[in-house]
Structures are given as C-alpha cells and as structure tokens.
C-alpha cells in the first residue's frame, strides 16, 4: 500500500540470442533464436505462451487495425522448435496450439527459480505496405519491430499475458538481455537497439572514423553524407554483412535498415551521470525529407531537457536514433517516425517518441492494458519539453481540443478502463494521451516543478524495470507526499464525468469585487483567472486544482483599490467542456 514493490516481488526474464537475415528484394526475413527463460515466480509453469507478432499479417487472423489485402501473408513459418529436451517438430505437435498471434506450448513442468532453454528457427514475408509498427518503408529501406517469437509476460496480476496482438494496443514485455545479429546485403546499414559490436569490420575507414568522431563531439556529424550514400561506399565489400548488437536489461529489440539513408549524429556527456560514456544521438533518413535535417539536433536537445529538467532523469541507454519511417512509434534506443510538414510537428513528434524511452521502456510499463501509464507521461513530456527546446513561441496543444470536445460525451470513458477493452479510437486517444497528461500537469502545478521532479525521480527509481500497475502509481504518489489523493484518483480515473469551471457570479463594489467560481463538472482543474482592470492593468490569480478537494464553489475576493473591467477563466492546459461561461465583462 506504500506504492513500493513488496518483499516477495518477482519478475521473470529471458536472454535472447537472435540471428536475423533480410533480403530486401524478396522481403524474406529468416531468423533463429536461442533463448534462456528464467522462471523467477513462485509458480510451477506447465506451459509457455509465445507470441508470434508477425502473424498480425496472417490471412484470416483478427485485427483492430485495417491492412490492405495484398499485405496478408502466410504468417510465421517455424522450421525448428526445441524446448528443453523436446523437439516440437518431431511428434510433439499435439502440445502446440496456435490461436491468432499466440502459440501455447505445453512443457515439462518448469519449477520456481529454474530456467529453460529454447531454440527456434522461423521465417516470414515482410509486409510491403500497410505499415503497422513494422514493414518495408520503400523497396530498399525498412523498419522491423516485433519480429521474433518471444515468450510473453507471466506476472502476478494475470498469470500469462493472453492478449492477442491485434494491432491497436502496444507492447508488454519482460526485460531481458539481447545479443542480436542482423545480416543484410552490401551497402545496407542497420540501426538497432543496443551497442554495435563490430563497427570497424562493417564500415569502410572513412565512415568508421566519422562515427568515432560523432561519439566524442557535441557538433553534428554526417557519418553518412550524400556523397557516401550516392557512391554506395559505406560498408565492407561483402555480398552480405552482419551487424552485431548487444543490449542488456531492455524489453525489446528492433531495427531499421537502408542502402541510401543519410546518418547524422552527435553525442552528449550527461553532467548528472558522469559515470557513463557519452550518448550517441542521431537520425537516419532520406535526403528527400527536409524536416529530418533538423531531427538529430531536436533529439539531442530533447535528451538534454529530459535528463536535466523534465522528468530530470538521466537518459538510460547508450544511444538514440530516429529512423525516417512510416510510423510514429517508439522502441528501445530507436524511434520509427514519419516525415511531417512543419517544424513544430517535427519537434513535438520527436520529443514525444523519445520520452517513451522512460515510459514504457525503462519502467517496463504494461502498454497493452494500461496505455495511459506511458502515453500520459509522453504527452506531458512533449507539452513541457517542446517550448523548453525551442522557446515559448512553440506552444504544444496536442490532444487538448479532443478532451475539451469529447469530455462527458459517449466516447469519454473512465481512464482506468483497460486499453484492451476500448475499441473506439477517440475514446482510446483521450484516455491514453491527454487526460492522464492533464492529471500529471496539474500534479506538477500543485506540488511545484521542483517537488514534482523529485517525486517523479523517486517513482522511477522505485519501479525502474518493474511491471508497476495503476495502483502502484496511485499509492506511490499518495504515500510519497503523505497525502490522501483518493479524491483525485477517483474523479479523474474511476468516475464518469467531465471538467467544467464557470464564473457564476460577480459582485462589484467600490474598489473591490467578489467572484464566484463553480465546478460544474466533477473532474478538478486549476483556477487561472485573468483580471483586467479599468486602468488597463492586468493580473492573473491562480489556485491549483486541490481547492476542489472538498468543495464545488470557490470565491475569490479582490480588494486592491482597482475597478474590475473584465474576467476570463482558464489557460491553454485548463481543460473545460464549456468555455461560454468562462468570461465576464462589466456593464
């Protein structure tokens, strides 16, 4: 109840050794994996649930995201599966049941505190279009996510995570250690989760030297420039090259590849984490997409803001690479971001996706059931970070209008409803993004920026790499502040309702005024009252949202020997379903 892991806390994990080969011409991905799965639970496991994410594209499978018929395929083909001492391709097929993207495998009982070895060979056809977190970007570039058979989470909330991957809901993975090899044709470059282990043998001398320079430079370096890409003079002169990566304590492995992308990067030495090496920050992109020439610098500034200001936690990984793709999606150490039209959109998208480094990845959040536990943090992250990066003129209003419009309507359900149970797109958007973003924004206002940063860091330290739940989040902040915040959790997360403040009465006298503010809705928001006086002067009167803890009417008295000319209630981030009653003008 103190919002911390209990004394019997446990979490399963696995070590993955992946070998993947991609032929862009045929779009065939072939792979093999050796896995050691560690059962740290107190339970004896009699089965494994292995998710085949690429079966999202398999003919006949259910989806909640539309794809083109031409991108339907035969799904994952497993040519070898050995678990423990059993070959499941040799007379043991009755122990395997595939349902949608889930493969249930009956195994010899796996005792608590023991481990199990698996070896799986598989292949599938990469989708050419209908890009949903993975697939070809064009004929010679791609971004590959969720590509390998993986053991799903077994936890103390639900047991096995049996939610099929239908496309809309995102990931829930155990943290693990990855050794990965990705083999591609000559002149192709791979950007991936993890530290590259064989740079010197993969790249030609010029590119290798520029990469080493970028790793030690605050200045942006074109590791691969237009000349390099145009001359096809980037990698070793082998028919196939194998890129090797290593990533420890991460929930996933993904990668992008191209034979013509530019690569721009610099590095950062974090002042609040001097024990670590410099962090390489960059972007890989097509020169045709002009907005991407600014992405590496935005990413660098974003990581500095995240590390020093909000959330104020040192960026935890060795690098961040934003890949020019067809999505707006995060992976450990990578983003798969589409080109956008405006500089503002580029800043907001880049900051949002990099913020996901912390939530869900560092924090091992369950995105599948509780989308708001990572998207809410990413939303407040972009609201705060975008103007800190490029100035107050860059105002980020992401999601605000949707909450103002849909609150209290049929699409507006309580945040606590599992993401897997919400099929309506507008409902999921406001529940996962802006509504929880508002709560965090208002908590920051209530506690103050410095105190909230301290609380957030304590929260992250407490649950780093662990599968925390909504109740851990609620209990932690209540316990850490020594306050009963149930009034807040109940009204914003559990109850049906909407936010709506109004100026309901104004009484003016000689050089004084009494303004009545009423909470017509149950969801509390701050009071920001903008007062204009008859002499032309202006004042902003502010109260945080805790004033509504036990009341629905609040009176503000002004006794400053000035005559009130007009009143306006609300700022940009003060969500309100009816703004018509938020103004008053003296007659």
Foldseek 3Di string as FASTA:
>chain_A
DLLFDDPQDDWKEKEKEKEWEAELQQQKIKIKIKMKIWAQDQDWDFKFKKFQVQLLLAPPAAALADDDPVQRDNGKDWPWKDKANDTCVPPVVVQWDDDRRIIMGGDDIDHHRGIIIMMIIIMDGFGDDPDQVWGAQHSFKIKHFSHDIDTATQGPPPGGPPDHCRRPFDDFFAWYKYKYKYKYFQLKDKDKFADWDPLPQWWPPQLSVQVVQQQVFPDKTFSQDQVCLVVSHTTPPDRMDMIIGIDHGWGTMIMMMGNRWIKIWHWAQQPVCNVDGTAIFIETGDVVQVLRVCLRVLLVLLQNCVCCAVLVNHQDDRYAYEYAGDDLAEGQNYGHDHRDDDNLVSNLSSNLRSQCNLPPIQLSEGRRFQLQSRQLSSQLRSQPRSCVRPHPVSGDLPPQVLQLACALHPLADALNGTLNVDSDPSNSVNSRHQLSNLVLVLVCVVLDRVVSSVLVVVSCVSRGSHHRDPVSVQSNVCSVVVHNCVLQCCQRHPDRKGWAKFFDDWDDDQQKIKTKIFTPISHFAKKWKWWAFPVGDIDIDTDGRCVPSPDGMDMDMGRPRTHTAKMAIDDSSGRHNDRPRRMDGDD
